[in-house]
């Protein structure tokens, strides 16, 4: 599906031309980098009716998947963005602002003061972000992947498939103990795993998968560039919340069929990435699958999450 978005800055001074809007363009750039098509940009003052008009236009006339606001979520008497959002939405989605506040509070206790809201109007998701460029990007990063999945459900995308993503890279290591490196393509073999990978075998963890969204969480904390395969993932993905897939879920990866066998793993020893960033995502956000039907997989291939087991 095509992911469309509107980004609306709420600011008295911004609308009057007295202050440069830095948050709006930064949010647009982040969304575009994540595959979104920005179809509308707006800047309006902190006026309830004007904010409502922008949100209604974005949802009802432009029909965007996502309408993002930045600004007007604090304690000032002029901060009415949450109230305007609640006035035009039909259903609240409280988990989104809760996740953003949790992310903000990891950085500063003042994150609890955000009054951001999120909700659904028709087939459009509306999300309030803070007015600060830095805070807005941090909050967006915390929820961007789940938001895509939610919009797919909202718009009934999938038919047989409940969700889809894509392969970013495929990686192998010829010897155990060596970091995996990217290759052009891999061949998946039932009851074995990836042909030529030292960690393949007839066991529960034949092929490892990790989302690029998880990698980005670590990349943002370190200065050196992470290479594909750095977390020992065989397949790097995009667009799926892998760790939310229950064991037993079947995935069509390229033209191969696999089944989720394990979510995360115990990390027995530290590594250079953990030492540099203070975190390692594979133990909690990576998944493992066993191969049911053979096939070739390469970067760009589709990954389909099947909503039922094949006979």
Protein backbone atom coordinates (compact mmCIF):
# COMPACT_ATOMS: atom_id res chain seq x y z
CA UNK A 1 0.00 0.00 0.00
CA UNK A 2 0.97 3.65 -0.38
CA UNK A 3 1.65 5.42 2.92
CA UNK A 4 0.50 9.05 2.75
CA UNK A 5 0.89 11.69 5.45
CA UNK A 6 0.10 15.27 6.36
CA UNK A 7 2.35 17.22 8.72
CA UNK A 8 0.86 20.21 10.53
CA UNK A 9 2.86 22.61 12.70
CA UNK A 10 0.89 24.32 15.46
CA UNK A 11 2.55 27.60 16.42
CA UNK A 12 1.37 31.19 16.84
CA UNK A 13 4.80 32.60 16.00
CA UNK A 14 5.39 30.13 13.19
CA UNK A 15 2.09 30.99 11.53
CA UNK A 16 2.88 34.72 11.87
CA UNK A 17 6.32 34.30 10.29
CA UNK A 18 8.08 35.31 13.51
CA UNK A 19 9.79 31.94 14.07
CA UNK A 20 11.31 29.42 11.65
CA UNK A 21 9.55 26.07 11.69
CA UNK A 22 12.23 23.43 12.20
CA UNK A 23 10.09 20.59 13.54
CA UNK A 24 7.75 20.28 10.56
CA UNK A 25 10.47 19.89 7.91
CA UNK A 26 12.41 17.47 10.16
CA UNK A 27 9.32 15.30 10.63
CA UNK A 28 8.67 15.34 6.89
CA UNK A 29 12.24 14.24 6.20
CA UNK A 30 12.04 11.42 8.75
CA UNK A 31 8.73 10.16 7.35
CA UNK A 32 9.97 10.32 3.76
CA UNK A 33 13.08 8.35 4.73
CA UNK A 34 10.72 5.71 6.15
CA UNK A 35 8.75 5.42 2.91
CA UNK A 36 5.96 7.96 3.49
CA UNK A 37 4.61 10.30 0.81
CA UNK A 38 4.00 13.77 2.28
CA UNK A 39 0.94 15.15 0.51
CA UNK A 40 0.25 18.17 2.73
CA UNK A 41 2.23 20.58 4.92
CA UNK A 42 0.54 23.21 7.04
CA UNK A 43 1.37 25.79 9.69
CA UNK A 44 -1.49 27.16 11.79
CA UNK A 45 -1.69 29.20 15.02
CA UNK A 46 -2.77 27.72 18.34
CA UNK A 47 -6.47 28.17 17.58
CA UNK A 48 -8.84 25.30 18.28
CA UNK A 49 -11.03 25.74 15.19
CA UNK A 50 -8.11 26.20 12.80
CA UNK A 51 -6.41 23.06 14.10
CA UNK A 52 -9.65 21.11 13.77
CA UNK A 53 -10.11 22.38 10.20
CA UNK A 54 -6.62 21.20 9.22
CA UNK A 55 -7.16 17.76 10.73
CA UNK A 56 -10.60 17.35 9.15
CA UNK A 57 -9.26 18.43 5.75
CA UNK A 58 -6.34 16.00 6.00
CA UNK A 59 -8.61 13.08 6.87
CA UNK A 60 -11.84 13.78 4.96
CA UNK A 61 -10.63 15.60 1.84
CA UNK A 62 -7.05 14.47 1.36
CA UNK A 63 -7.65 11.00 2.82
CA UNK A 64 -4.13 10.63 4.20
CA UNK A 65 -3.17 7.55 6.18
CA UNK A 66 -1.47 9.62 8.87
CA UNK A 67 -1.89 13.20 10.06
CA UNK A 68 0.92 14.34 12.35
CA UNK A 69 0.86 17.54 14.36
CA UNK A 70 3.84 19.15 16.07
CA UNK A 71 3.39 21.69 18.86
CA UNK A 72 0.69 22.76 21.25
CA UNK A 73 0.90 19.77 23.61
CA UNK A 74 2.20 21.50 26.74
CA UNK A 75 0.68 23.31 29.72
CA UNK A 76 0.33 26.78 28.22
CA UNK A 77 -3.22 28.13 28.00
CA UNK A 78 -2.71 28.37 24.23
CA UNK A 79 -1.74 24.68 23.96
CA UNK A 80 -4.97 23.15 22.66
CA UNK A 81 -3.75 20.61 20.07
CA UNK A 82 -4.80 17.57 22.16
CA UNK A 83 -8.27 19.02 22.70
CA UNK A 84 -8.65 19.75 18.97
CA UNK A 85 -7.53 16.20 18.17
CA UNK A 86 -10.02 14.61 20.57
CA UNK A 87 -12.77 16.82 19.15
CA UNK A 88 -12.37 15.43 15.63
CA UNK A 89 -11.42 11.79 16.26
CA UNK A 90 -13.87 8.94 16.62
CA UNK A 91 -11.64 6.54 18.56
CA UNK A 92 -8.64 7.19 20.79
CA UNK A 93 -5.43 5.19 20.42
CA UNK A 94 -3.89 5.80 23.86
CA UNK A 95 -1.01 3.35 23.45
CA UNK A 96 0.72 5.66 20.97
CA UNK A 97 1.09 8.71 23.25
CA UNK A 98 1.83 6.40 26.18
CA UNK A 99 4.76 4.91 24.23
CA UNK A 100 6.01 8.36 23.25
CA UNK A 101 5.89 9.61 26.84
CA UNK A 102 7.72 6.49 28.00
CA UNK A 103 10.45 7.14 25.43
CA UNK A 104 10.69 10.81 26.45
CA UNK A 105 10.95 9.92 30.13
CA UNK A 106 13.99 7.77 29.38
CA UNK A 107 15.66 11.05 28.46
CA UNK A 108 14.06 13.52 30.88
CA UNK A 109 11.46 13.28 33.63
CA UNK A 110 9.73 16.26 32.03
CA UNK A 111 8.50 13.88 29.38
CA UNK A 112 5.55 13.15 31.66
CA UNK A 113 4.30 16.71 31.07
CA UNK A 114 3.44 16.02 27.43
CA UNK A 115 -0.33 16.00 26.83
CA UNK A 116 -0.08 14.46 23.36
CA UNK A 117 -3.08 12.50 22.10
CA UNK A 118 -3.69 10.16 19.16
CA UNK A 119 -6.85 8.89 17.57
CA UNK A 120 -8.65 7.66 14.47
CA UNK A 121 -10.93 9.62 12.16
CA UNK A 122 -12.33 7.44 9.39
CA UNK A 123 -9.29 5.73 7.90
CA UNK A 124 -6.82 8.36 9.12
CA UNK A 125 -4.64 8.10 12.21
CA UNK A 126 -3.93 11.44 13.91
CA UNK A 127 -0.88 11.70 16.18
CA UNK A 128 0.32 14.69 18.23
CA UNK A 129 4.08 15.20 18.51
CA UNK A 130 5.88 17.75 20.72
CA UNK A 131 6.88 21.13 19.30
CA UNK A 132 10.61 20.66 19.90
CA UNK A 133 12.41 19.25 16.85
CA UNK A 134 14.51 16.89 18.96
CA UNK A 135 11.59 15.65 21.06
CA UNK A 136 9.34 15.29 18.02
CA UNK A 137 11.85 13.08 16.21
CA UNK A 138 12.48 10.97 19.32
CA UNK A 139 8.76 10.39 19.80
CA UNK A 140 8.17 9.63 16.12
CA UNK A 141 11.01 7.11 16.08
CA UNK A 142 9.48 5.31 19.08
CA UNK A 143 6.17 4.63 17.31
CA UNK A 144 6.83 4.74 13.55
CA UNK A 145 6.92 0.99 12.95
CA UNK A 146 3.80 0.07 14.99
CA UNK A 147 1.94 2.98 13.34
CA UNK A 148 2.45 1.43 9.90
CA UNK A 149 1.08 -1.88 11.13
CA UNK A 150 -1.90 -0.15 12.71
CA UNK A 151 -2.71 1.72 9.51
CA UNK A 152 -2.60 -1.53 7.54
CA UNK A 153 -5.18 -2.98 9.93
CA UNK A 154 -7.24 0.23 9.82
CA UNK A 155 -7.38 0.13 6.03
CA UNK A 156 -7.96 -3.60 5.78
CA UNK A 157 -4.78 -4.27 3.85
CA UNK A 158 -3.77 -7.87 3.35
CA UNK A 159 -6.59 -10.24 2.41
CA UNK A 160 -4.84 -13.54 3.03
CA UNK A 161 -1.92 -11.70 4.56
CA UNK A 162 -2.28 -9.77 7.79
CA UNK A 163 0.84 -7.71 7.14
CA UNK A 164 3.73 -7.31 4.74
CA UNK A 165 7.29 -6.10 4.86
CA UNK A 166 10.42 -6.43 2.77
CA UNK A 167 13.91 -7.87 2.96
CA UNK A 168 16.60 -5.20 3.41
CA UNK A 169 19.62 -7.53 3.35
CA UNK A 170 20.60 -11.19 3.62
CA UNK A 171 23.71 -12.15 5.59
CA UNK A 172 25.74 -15.28 6.35
CA UNK A 173 28.96 -16.35 8.06
CA UNK A 174 30.95 -19.29 6.76
CA UNK A 175 32.54 -19.96 10.14
CA UNK A 176 31.05 -19.86 13.64
CA UNK A 177 32.32 -16.98 15.72
CA UNK A 178 32.67 -14.69 12.71
CA UNK A 179 30.41 -11.69 12.11
CA UNK A 180 27.84 -12.23 9.40
CA UNK A 181 28.36 -10.35 6.13
CA UNK A 182 25.93 -9.31 3.43
CA UNK A 183 25.53 -11.43 0.29
CA UNK A 184 23.46 -11.05 -2.88
CA UNK A 185 21.06 -13.94 -2.17
CA UNK A 186 20.59 -16.99 0.05
CA UNK A 187 18.87 -20.34 -0.43
CA UNK A 188 16.65 -21.61 2.39
CA UNK A 189 16.51 -25.37 2.92
CA UNK A 190 13.86 -27.21 5.03
CA UNK A 191 15.12 -28.80 8.26
CA UNK A 192 18.40 -26.96 7.81
CA UNK A 193 18.27 -23.21 7.29
CA UNK A 194 20.43 -21.12 4.96
CA UNK A 195 22.68 -23.03 2.60
CA UNK A 196 26.31 -22.22 3.38
CA UNK A 197 25.70 -20.50 6.73
CA UNK A 198 27.77 -21.91 9.58
CA UNK A 199 24.91 -21.57 12.07
CA UNK A 200 22.35 -23.53 10.02
CA UNK A 201 21.26 -26.95 11.17
CA UNK A 202 18.35 -29.16 12.15
CA UNK A 203 17.33 -27.21 15.24
CA UNK A 204 14.93 -24.58 16.51
CA UNK A 205 16.94 -21.54 15.38
CA UNK A 206 17.66 -22.21 11.73
CA UNK A 207 17.32 -18.63 10.42
CA UNK A 208 17.50 -15.36 12.36
CA UNK A 209 15.57 -12.19 11.46
CA UNK A 210 15.85 -8.64 12.80
CA UNK A 211 14.03 -5.45 11.84
CA UNK A 212 15.99 -2.45 10.60
CA UNK A 213 13.74 -0.43 12.90
CA UNK A 214 15.41 -2.21 15.83
CA UNK A 215 18.87 -1.57 14.42
CA UNK A 216 18.13 2.15 14.11
CA UNK A 217 17.50 2.35 17.86
CA UNK A 218 21.11 1.33 18.46
CA UNK A 219 22.55 3.24 15.49
CA UNK A 220 21.18 6.50 16.92
CA UNK A 221 23.28 5.97 20.07
CA UNK A 222 26.66 5.31 18.50
CA UNK A 223 29.02 7.15 16.15
CA UNK A 224 30.30 4.27 14.01
CA UNK A 225 28.21 2.83 11.16
CA UNK A 226 26.60 -0.54 11.84
CA UNK A 227 27.01 -3.01 9.01
CA UNK A 228 24.24 -5.36 7.93
CA UNK A 229 24.67 -8.59 9.89
CA UNK A 230 26.19 -6.84 12.90
CA UNK A 231 23.64 -8.42 15.25
CA UNK A 232 24.10 -11.91 13.75
CA UNK A 233 20.88 -11.62 11.77
CA UNK A 234 20.55 -13.69 8.61
CA UNK A 235 17.72 -11.57 7.25
CA UNK A 236 17.33 -7.84 7.94
CA UNK A 237 13.73 -6.73 7.44
CA UNK A 238 11.69 -3.54 7.20
CA UNK A 239 8.03 -2.79 7.88
CA UNK A 240 7.21 -5.59 10.33
CA UNK A 241 7.16 -5.73 14.12
CA UNK A 242 8.87 -9.11 14.22
CA UNK A 243 8.92 -9.55 17.98
CA UNK A 244 5.12 -9.23 18.13
CA UNK A 245 4.63 -12.27 15.89
CA UNK A 246 3.58 -15.29 17.98
CA UNK A 247 5.49 -18.56 17.76
CA UNK A 248 3.86 -20.62 15.02
CA UNK A 249 3.24 -17.67 12.69
CA UNK A 250 4.11 -18.57 9.12
CA UNK A 251 6.05 -16.19 6.89
CA UNK A 252 6.41 -16.17 3.13
CA UNK A 253 9.95 -14.84 2.66
CA UNK A 254 10.69 -14.38 -1.02
CA UNK A 255 9.50 -17.73 -2.41
CA UNK A 256 10.38 -19.69 0.74
CA UNK A 257 8.02 -20.58 3.58
CA UNK A 258 9.12 -20.42 7.23
CA UNK A 259 7.58 -20.65 10.68
CA UNK A 260 8.44 -18.60 13.76
CA UNK A 261 10.00 -20.80 16.43
CA UNK A 262 11.47 -18.35 18.94
CA UNK A 263 11.27 -14.67 19.92
CA UNK A 264 14.63 -13.28 21.02
CA UNK A 265 17.34 -15.22 22.78
CA UNK A 266 19.44 -15.13 25.89
CA UNK A 267 22.57 -13.05 25.44
CA UNK A 268 25.37 -14.88 27.26
CA UNK A 269 28.22 -12.44 26.69
CA UNK A 270 28.77 -8.79 25.94
CA UNK A 271 29.88 -7.46 22.56
CA UNK A 272 31.48 -4.34 21.11
CA UNK A 273 28.11 -2.94 20.06
CA UNK A 274 26.60 -3.41 23.51
CA UNK A 275 29.64 -1.82 25.12
CA UNK A 276 29.50 1.19 22.77
CA UNK A 277 25.73 1.74 22.79
CA UNK A 278 24.72 0.23 26.09
CA UNK A 279 22.15 -1.93 24.32
CA UNK A 280 21.73 -4.95 22.07
CA UNK A 281 18.37 -5.50 20.40
CA UNK A 282 18.68 -9.05 19.06
CA UNK A 283 18.01 -10.76 22.42
CA UNK A 284 14.58 -9.14 22.74
CA UNK A 285 13.52 -7.99 19.26
CA UNK A 286 15.06 -10.55 16.91
CA UNK A 287 13.21 -13.74 15.96
CA UNK A 288 14.11 -17.19 14.69
CA UNK A 289 12.32 -19.33 12.12
CA UNK A 290 12.55 -22.84 10.74
CA UNK A 291 12.27 -23.42 6.99
CA UNK A 292 9.20 -25.34 5.82
CA UNK A 293 9.48 -24.92 2.05
CA UNK A 294 12.68 -24.12 0.13
CA UNK A 295 13.28 -20.91 -1.75
CA UNK A 296 15.67 -18.12 -2.60
CA UNK A 297 15.71 -14.79 -0.75
CA UNK A 298 17.42 -11.53 -1.70
CA UNK A 299 17.21 -7.85 -0.78
CA UNK A 300 13.94 -6.29 -1.96
CA UNK A 301 11.90 -9.49 -1.68
CA UNK A 302 8.52 -9.28 0.03
CA UNK A 303 7.84 -10.84 3.42
CA UNK A 304 4.19 -11.74 3.97
CA UNK A 305 2.82 -12.63 7.40
CA UNK A 306 0.22 -15.31 6.79
CA UNK A 307 -2.90 -15.13 8.92
CA UNK A 308 -3.32 -18.89 8.96
CA UNK A 309 -1.12 -21.96 8.76
CA UNK A 310 -0.93 -23.55 5.36
CA UNK A 311 -2.32 -27.10 5.12
